[in-house]
Amino acid sequence: MANDNTSNDAQISRLKSLAASPSDSSFVMLNINRYKPEVNFPDGETYAAYMSAIEHSVGAIGGSVLWRVPVQGGVVGDLEDFDEVMAVWYPSHKAFLELPDADRAREMFRYRRVCVEKAHIVELSDQAPSLRPFGS
């Protein structure tokens, strides 16, 4: 069974095509995460270390964690028992693909494997002003 917490080949290929395009632009990744019980979301030390590593690594490539918010419950679809929604802004697809080489990225991905039980991540346009970092 494929690990549904990582991108598949078609998804990576799409991102690489966008990164190579002269029209590559900024965007937002919306992360819907369910954390492993032992992480003790949102108060656990491991969760806090993961968030610190994300903010540092994403910042190192020019991105920004816009916001994180606990999930109160599902309304439509099969998203029950998810813990958090997080919006992360990236300056380009090229920058996003550079994330694995960013400062503290190895730590960030290690924490991701330790913390995240299941994730849904979708790409959004950042053309709405509310989906851009303040001042950009």
N, C-alpha and C. Protein backbone atom coordinates (compact mmCIF):
# COMPACT_ATOMS: atom_id res chain seq x y z
N MET A 1 0.84 -1.19 0.00
CA MET A 1 0.00 0.00 0.00
C MET A 1 0.88 1.24 0.00
N ALA A 2 0.57 2.20 -0.85
CA ALA A 2 1.35 3.43 -0.94
C ALA A 2 1.14 4.27 0.31
N ASN A 3 2.17 5.02 0.66
CA ASN A 3 2.08 5.94 1.79
C ASN A 3 1.30 7.16 1.32
N ASP A 4 0.09 7.34 1.82
CA ASP A 4 -0.73 8.47 1.36
C ASP A 4 -0.37 9.77 2.08
N ASN A 5 0.74 9.78 2.81
CA ASN A 5 1.24 11.01 3.42
C ASN A 5 2.38 11.62 2.60
N THR A 6 2.63 11.08 1.42
CA THR A 6 3.66 11.63 0.53
C THR A 6 3.07 11.79 -0.86
N SER A 7 3.70 12.64 -1.66
CA SER A 7 3.25 12.87 -3.02
C SER A 7 3.57 11.67 -3.89
N ASN A 8 2.71 11.41 -4.89
CA ASN A 8 2.99 10.34 -5.83
C ASN A 8 3.78 10.91 -7.02
N ASP A 9 4.21 10.05 -7.92
CA ASP A 9 5.04 10.47 -9.05
C ASP A 9 4.34 11.50 -9.93
N ALA A 10 3.05 11.32 -10.19
CA ALA A 10 2.32 12.26 -11.03
C ALA A 10 2.23 13.64 -10.37
N GLN A 11 2.03 13.67 -9.07
CA GLN A 11 1.97 14.94 -8.35
C GLN A 11 3.32 15.65 -8.38
N ILE A 12 4.40 14.91 -8.17
CA ILE A 12 5.74 15.51 -8.21
C ILE A 12 6.04 16.01 -9.62
N SER A 13 5.68 15.25 -10.63
CA SER A 13 5.91 15.66 -12.01
C SER A 13 5.18 16.97 -12.32
N ARG A 14 3.94 17.08 -11.86
CA ARG A 14 3.17 18.30 -12.06
C ARG A 14 3.86 19.49 -11.41
N LEU A 15 4.32 19.32 -10.17
CA LEU A 15 5.01 20.39 -9.46
C LEU A 15 6.30 20.80 -10.17
N LYS A 16 7.04 19.83 -10.69
CA LYS A 16 8.28 20.12 -11.40
C LYS A 16 7.99 20.90 -12.68
N SER A 17 6.91 20.54 -13.37
CA SER A 17 6.53 21.28 -14.59
C SER A 17 6.19 22.72 -14.26
N LEU A 18 5.45 22.92 -13.19
CA LEU A 18 5.11 24.28 -12.78
C LEU A 18 6.35 25.06 -12.37
N ALA A 19 7.27 24.41 -11.66
CA ALA A 19 8.50 25.07 -11.21
C ALA A 19 9.37 25.49 -12.39
N ALA A 20 9.35 24.73 -13.47
CA ALA A 20 10.16 25.03 -14.65
C ALA A 20 9.51 26.06 -15.56
N SER A 21 8.27 26.37 -15.31
CA SER A 21 7.52 27.29 -16.16
C SER A 21 7.93 28.74 -15.88
N PRO A 22 7.99 29.57 -16.93
CA PRO A 22 8.28 30.99 -16.70
C PRO A 22 7.17 31.69 -15.92
N SER A 23 6.00 31.07 -15.85
CA SER A 23 4.89 31.68 -15.11
C SER A 23 4.74 31.10 -13.70
N ASP A 24 5.78 30.40 -13.20
CA ASP A 24 5.76 29.88 -11.84
C ASP A 24 5.45 31.03 -10.89
N SER A 25 4.54 30.79 -9.97
CA SER A 25 4.14 31.87 -9.06
C SER A 25 3.87 31.33 -7.67
N SER A 26 3.59 32.24 -6.77
CA SER A 26 3.32 31.88 -5.39
C SER A 26 1.98 31.16 -5.26
N PHE A 27 1.84 30.41 -4.17
CA PHE A 27 0.62 29.64 -3.93
C PHE A 27 0.57 29.26 -2.45
N VAL A 28 -0.53 28.64 -2.05
CA VAL A 28 -0.73 28.19 -0.68
C VAL A 28 -0.99 26.69 -0.69
N MET A 29 -0.37 26.00 0.25
CA MET A 29 -0.68 24.59 0.48
C MET A 29 -1.55 24.53 1.74
N LEU A 30 -2.71 23.93 1.59
CA LEU A 30 -3.61 23.73 2.72
C LEU A 30 -3.42 22.30 3.22
N ASN A 31 -2.94 22.19 4.44
CA ASN A 31 -2.63 20.89 5.06
C ASN A 31 -3.74 20.54 6.05
N ILE A 32 -4.34 19.38 5.89
CA ILE A 32 -5.35 18.88 6.83
C ILE A 32 -4.72 17.65 7.48
N ASN A 33 -4.38 17.77 8.76
CA ASN A 33 -3.58 16.75 9.42
C ASN A 33 -4.31 16.06 10.56
N ARG A 34 -4.09 14.76 10.64
CA ARG A 34 -4.47 13.98 11.83
C ARG A 34 -3.15 13.53 12.46
N TYR A 35 -2.99 13.85 13.73
CA TYR A 35 -1.75 13.51 14.41
C TYR A 35 -1.90 12.21 15.18
N LYS A 36 -0.78 11.53 15.35
CA LYS A 36 -0.76 10.29 16.12
C LYS A 36 -1.08 10.63 17.58
N PRO A 37 -1.82 9.76 18.26
CA PRO A 37 -2.24 10.06 19.65
C PRO A 37 -1.08 10.41 20.57
N GLU A 38 0.06 9.74 20.40
CA GLU A 38 1.20 9.98 21.30
C GLU A 38 1.82 11.37 21.12
N VAL A 39 1.45 12.09 20.07
CA VAL A 39 1.97 13.44 19.84
C VAL A 39 1.32 14.43 20.81
N ASN A 40 0.14 14.07 21.33
CA ASN A 40 -0.58 14.92 22.29
C ASN A 40 -0.87 16.31 21.71
N PHE A 41 -1.45 16.32 20.50
CA PHE A 41 -1.86 17.58 19.86
C PHE A 41 -2.89 18.28 20.75
N PRO A 42 -2.81 19.56 20.96
CA PRO A 42 -1.82 20.54 20.50
C PRO A 42 -0.77 20.89 21.55
N ASP A 43 -0.74 20.17 22.65
CA ASP A 43 0.10 20.57 23.77
C ASP A 43 1.41 19.82 23.89
N GLY A 44 1.61 18.79 23.07
CA GLY A 44 2.79 17.95 23.22
C GLY A 44 4.08 18.61 22.76
N GLU A 45 5.18 18.22 23.37
CA GLU A 45 6.49 18.76 23.02
C GLU A 45 6.90 18.37 21.60
N THR A 46 6.56 17.16 21.19
CA THR A 46 6.92 16.71 19.85
C THR A 46 6.18 17.53 18.79
N TYR A 47 4.89 17.79 19.04
CA TYR A 47 4.11 18.63 18.13
C TYR A 47 4.73 20.03 18.05
N ALA A 48 5.08 20.60 19.20
CA ALA A 48 5.67 21.94 19.22
C ALA A 48 7.00 21.96 18.46
N ALA A 49 7.80 20.93 18.61
CA ALA A 49 9.07 20.85 17.89
C ALA A 49 8.84 20.74 16.39
N TYR A 50 7.82 19.98 15.99
CA TYR A 50 7.47 19.85 14.57
C TYR A 50 7.06 21.21 14.00
N MET A 51 6.21 21.94 14.71
CA MET A 51 5.79 23.25 14.22
C MET A 51 6.96 24.21 14.12
N SER A 52 7.87 24.17 15.08
CA SER A 52 9.05 25.02 15.04
C SER A 52 9.91 24.69 13.82
N ALA A 53 10.10 23.41 13.55
CA ALA A 53 10.89 22.99 12.40
C ALA A 53 10.23 23.39 11.09
N ILE A 54 8.89 23.26 11.02
CA ILE A 54 8.17 23.69 9.81
C ILE A 54 8.38 25.18 9.58
N GLU A 55 8.14 25.98 10.60
CA GLU A 55 8.25 27.43 10.44
C GLU A 55 9.66 27.83 10.02
N HIS A 56 10.66 27.19 10.59
CA HIS A 56 12.04 27.52 10.25
C HIS A 56 12.36 27.10 8.81
N SER A 57 12.06 25.86 8.45
CA SER A 57 12.40 25.36 7.12
C SER A 57 11.65 26.09 6.02
N VAL A 58 10.37 26.30 6.22
CA VAL A 58 9.58 27.03 5.22
C VAL A 58 10.10 28.47 5.10
N GLY A 59 10.41 29.08 6.22
CA GLY A 59 10.98 30.44 6.19
C GLY A 59 12.32 30.49 5.46
N ALA A 60 13.10 29.43 5.57
CA ALA A 60 14.42 29.38 4.92
C ALA A 60 14.32 29.41 3.40
N ILE A 61 13.18 29.02 2.84
CA ILE A 61 13.01 29.07 1.38
C ILE A 61 12.13 30.24 0.96
N GLY A 62 11.84 31.14 1.90
CA GLY A 62 11.07 32.34 1.59
C GLY A 62 9.58 32.20 1.79
N GLY A 63 9.13 31.07 2.35
CA GLY A 63 7.71 30.85 2.59
C GLY A 63 7.30 31.29 3.98
N SER A 64 6.03 31.02 4.31
CA SER A 64 5.49 31.44 5.59
C SER A 64 4.30 30.58 5.98
N VAL A 65 4.27 30.16 7.24
CA VAL A 65 3.06 29.52 7.77
C VAL A 65 2.09 30.66 8.05
N LEU A 66 0.98 30.69 7.30
CA LEU A 66 0.01 31.78 7.45
C LEU A 66 -0.82 31.61 8.71
N TRP A 67 -1.30 30.39 8.92
CA TRP A 67 -2.11 30.11 10.11
C TRP A 67 -2.26 28.62 10.31
N ARG A 68 -2.59 28.28 11.55
CA ARG A 68 -2.91 26.90 11.95
C ARG A 68 -4.13 27.01 12.85
N VAL A 69 -5.06 26.07 12.68
CA VAL A 69 -6.26 26.11 13.51
C VAL A 69 -6.75 24.68 13.76
N PRO A 70 -7.17 24.39 14.99
CA PRO A 70 -7.72 23.06 15.27
C PRO A 70 -9.03 22.83 14.51
N VAL A 71 -9.26 21.61 14.09
CA VAL A 71 -10.51 21.23 13.44
C VAL A 71 -11.57 21.02 14.52
N GLN A 72 -12.74 21.61 14.32
CA GLN A 72 -13.83 21.43 15.28
C GLN A 72 -14.71 20.24 14.94
N GLY A 73 -14.72 19.84 13.68
CA GLY A 73 -15.53 18.70 13.27
C GLY A 73 -15.79 18.73 11.78
N GLY A 74 -16.16 17.59 11.23
CA GLY A 74 -16.47 17.50 9.81
C GLY A 74 -17.92 17.87 9.55
N VAL A 75 -18.18 18.40 8.38
CA VAL A 75 -19.55 18.76 7.98
C VAL A 75 -19.96 17.93 6.77
N VAL A 76 -19.06 17.82 5.78
CA VAL A 76 -19.31 17.02 4.58
C VAL A 76 -18.02 16.27 4.25
N GLY A 77 -18.15 15.03 3.85
CA GLY A 77 -16.97 14.25 3.44
C GLY A 77 -16.39 13.45 4.59
N ASP A 78 -15.34 12.74 4.27
CA ASP A 78 -14.72 11.81 5.21
C ASP A 78 -13.48 12.43 5.84
N LEU A 79 -13.66 13.48 6.59
CA LEU A 79 -12.54 14.13 7.26
C LEU A 79 -12.72 14.12 8.78
N GLU A 80 -13.47 13.16 9.27
CA GLU A 80 -13.64 13.05 10.72
C GLU A 80 -12.30 12.72 11.37
N ASP A 81 -12.18 13.13 12.58
CA ASP A 81 -11.01 12.81 13.41
C ASP A 81 -9.72 13.45 12.92
N PHE A 82 -9.80 14.51 12.14
CA PHE A 82 -8.60 15.28 11.80
C PHE A 82 -8.43 16.34 12.86
N ASP A 83 -7.19 16.72 13.10
CA ASP A 83 -6.87 17.60 14.22
C ASP A 83 -6.67 19.05 13.85
N GLU A 84 -6.08 19.30 12.68
CA GLU A 84 -5.62 20.66 12.39
C GLU A 84 -5.65 20.94 10.90
N VAL A 85 -5.91 22.21 10.58
CA VAL A 85 -5.76 22.71 9.22
C VAL A 85 -4.69 23.81 9.30
N MET A 86 -3.74 23.73 8.37
CA MET A 86 -2.64 24.69 8.36
C MET A 86 -2.46 25.21 6.93
N ALA A 87 -2.35 26.52 6.79
CA ALA A 87 -2.11 27.15 5.49
C ALA A 87 -0.66 27.62 5.44
N VAL A 88 0.05 27.16 4.40
CA VAL A 88 1.46 27.51 4.23
C VAL A 88 1.64 28.16 2.87
N TRP A 89 2.17 29.38 2.87
CA TRP A 89 2.41 30.14 1.63
C TRP A 89 3.83 29.87 1.14
N TYR A 90 3.96 29.64 -0.18
CA TYR A 90 5.26 29.44 -0.81
C TYR A 90 5.42 30.48 -1.91
N PRO A 91 6.63 31.03 -2.08
CA PRO A 91 6.83 32.06 -3.10
C PRO A 91 6.79 31.51 -4.52
N SER A 92 7.00 30.19 -4.68
CA SER A 92 6.97 29.57 -6.01
C SER A 92 6.99 28.05 -5.83
N HIS A 93 6.67 27.36 -6.92
CA HIS A 93 6.77 25.90 -6.92
C HIS A 93 8.24 25.49 -6.84
N LYS A 94 9.10 26.28 -7.46
CA LYS A 94 10.53 26.01 -7.39
C LYS A 94 10.99 26.03 -5.93
N ALA A 95 10.57 27.03 -5.17
CA ALA A 95 10.94 27.10 -3.76
C ALA A 95 10.37 25.91 -2.99
N PHE A 96 9.14 25.54 -3.29
CA PHE A 96 8.53 24.39 -2.61
C PHE A 96 9.37 23.13 -2.84
N LEU A 97 9.82 22.93 -4.07
CA LEU A 97 10.62 21.74 -4.38
C LEU A 97 12.01 21.80 -3.75
N GLU A 98 12.44 22.99 -3.32
CA GLU A 98 13.72 23.13 -2.63
C GLU A 98 13.59 22.86 -1.13
N LEU A 99 12.37 22.69 -0.65
CA LEU A 99 12.15 22.48 0.78
C LEU A 99 12.95 21.32 1.37
N PRO A 100 13.07 20.17 0.70
CA PRO A 100 13.85 19.08 1.30
C PRO A 100 15.31 19.43 1.59
N ASP A 101 15.84 20.45 0.91
CA ASP A 101 17.23 20.87 1.12
C ASP A 101 17.35 22.09 2.03
N ALA A 102 16.24 22.60 2.53
CA ALA A 102 16.26 23.80 3.38
C ALA A 102 16.87 23.50 4.75
N ASP A 103 17.31 24.55 5.40
CA ASP A 103 17.84 24.43 6.76
C ASP A 103 16.81 23.79 7.67
N ARG A 104 17.20 22.78 8.42
CA ARG A 104 16.39 22.01 9.37
C ARG A 104 15.31 21.16 8.70
N ALA A 105 15.34 21.03 7.37
CA ALA A 105 14.32 20.23 6.68
C ALA A 105 14.38 18.77 7.07
N ARG A 106 15.56 18.24 7.24
CA ARG A 106 15.68 16.83 7.62
C ARG A 106 14.96 16.61 8.96
N GLU A 107 15.16 17.53 9.88
CA GLU A 107 14.47 17.46 11.18
C GLU A 107 12.96 17.57 10.99
N MET A 108 12.53 18.51 10.14
CA MET A 108 11.11 18.71 9.89
C MET A 108 10.46 17.44 9.34
N PHE A 109 11.09 16.81 8.35
CA PHE A 109 10.52 15.60 7.76
C PHE A 109 10.56 14.42 8.74
N ARG A 110 11.57 14.38 9.59
CA ARG A 110 11.62 13.33 10.63
C ARG A 110 10.44 13.52 11.59
N TYR A 111 10.21 14.75 12.03
CA TYR A 111 9.06 15.01 12.90
C TYR A 111 7.74 14.71 12.19
N ARG A 112 7.68 14.99 10.90
CA ARG A 112 6.44 14.69 10.15
C ARG A 112 6.13 13.21 10.21
N ARG A 113 7.15 12.38 10.02
CA ARG A 113 6.94 10.92 10.09
C ARG A 113 6.51 10.49 11.50
N VAL A 114 7.06 11.14 12.51
CA VAL A 114 6.74 10.80 13.90
C VAL A 114 5.34 11.30 14.28
N CYS A 115 4.94 12.46 13.78
CA CYS A 115 3.73 13.13 14.24
C CYS A 115 2.47 12.85 13.43
N VAL A 116 2.58 12.84 12.12
CA VAL A 116 1.39 12.84 11.26
C VAL A 116 0.94 11.42 10.96
N GLU A 117 -0.29 11.14 11.37
CA GLU A 117 -0.89 9.83 11.07
C GLU A 117 -1.47 9.81 9.67
N LYS A 118 -2.14 10.91 9.29
CA LYS A 118 -2.77 11.00 7.96
C LYS A 118 -2.82 12.48 7.58
N ALA A 119 -2.63 12.74 6.30
CA ALA A 119 -2.67 14.12 5.81
C ALA A 119 -3.36 14.19 4.46
N HIS A 120 -4.08 15.28 4.27
CA HIS A 120 -4.58 15.68 2.96
C HIS A 120 -3.97 17.05 2.72
N ILE A 121 -3.31 17.23 1.59
CA ILE A 121 -2.68 18.51 1.27
C ILE A 121 -3.13 18.92 -0.11
N VAL A 122 -3.68 20.13 -0.21
CA VAL A 122 -4.16 20.63 -1.49
C VAL A 122 -3.53 21.98 -1.77
N GLU A 123 -3.29 22.22 -3.05
CA GLU A 123 -2.70 23.48 -3.49
C GLU A 123 -3.81 24.47 -3.82
N LEU A 124 -3.63 25.70 -3.37
CA LEU A 124 -4.59 26.77 -3.62
C LEU A 124 -3.89 27.96 -4.28
N SER A 125 -4.62 28.68 -5.10
CA SER A 125 -4.12 29.95 -5.60
C SER A 125 -4.02 30.90 -4.41
N ASP A 126 -3.05 31.78 -4.44
CA ASP A 126 -2.96 32.78 -3.36
C ASP A 126 -3.42 34.15 -3.85
N GLN A 127 -4.23 34.17 -4.90
CA GLN A 127 -4.65 35.44 -5.47
C GLN A 127 -5.60 36.23 -4.58
N ALA A 128 -6.26 35.56 -3.65
CA ALA A 128 -7.07 36.28 -2.67
C ALA A 128 -6.13 36.92 -1.67
N PRO A 129 -6.25 38.21 -1.37
CA PRO A 129 -5.33 38.86 -0.43
C PRO A 129 -5.22 38.16 0.93
N SER A 130 -6.28 37.50 1.36
CA SER A 130 -6.22 36.83 2.65
C SER A 130 -5.34 35.59 2.63
N LEU A 131 -4.90 35.15 1.46
CA LEU A 131 -4.04 33.98 1.35
C LEU A 131 -2.58 34.36 1.03
N ARG A 132 -2.20 35.56 1.39
CA ARG A 132 -0.83 36.01 1.21
C ARG A 132 -0.28 36.50 2.54
N PRO A 133 1.03 36.37 2.74
CA PRO A 133 1.60 36.92 3.97
C PRO A 133 1.42 38.44 4.01
N PHE A 134 1.31 38.97 5.20
CA PHE A 134 1.15 40.41 5.36
C PHE A 134 2.29 41.13 4.66
N GLY A 135 1.94 42.11 3.84
CA GLY A 135 2.94 42.94 3.16
C GLY A 135 3.42 42.42 1.82
N SER A 136 2.87 41.31 1.35
CA SER A 136 3.36 40.83 0.03
C SER A 136 2.34 41.10 -1.05
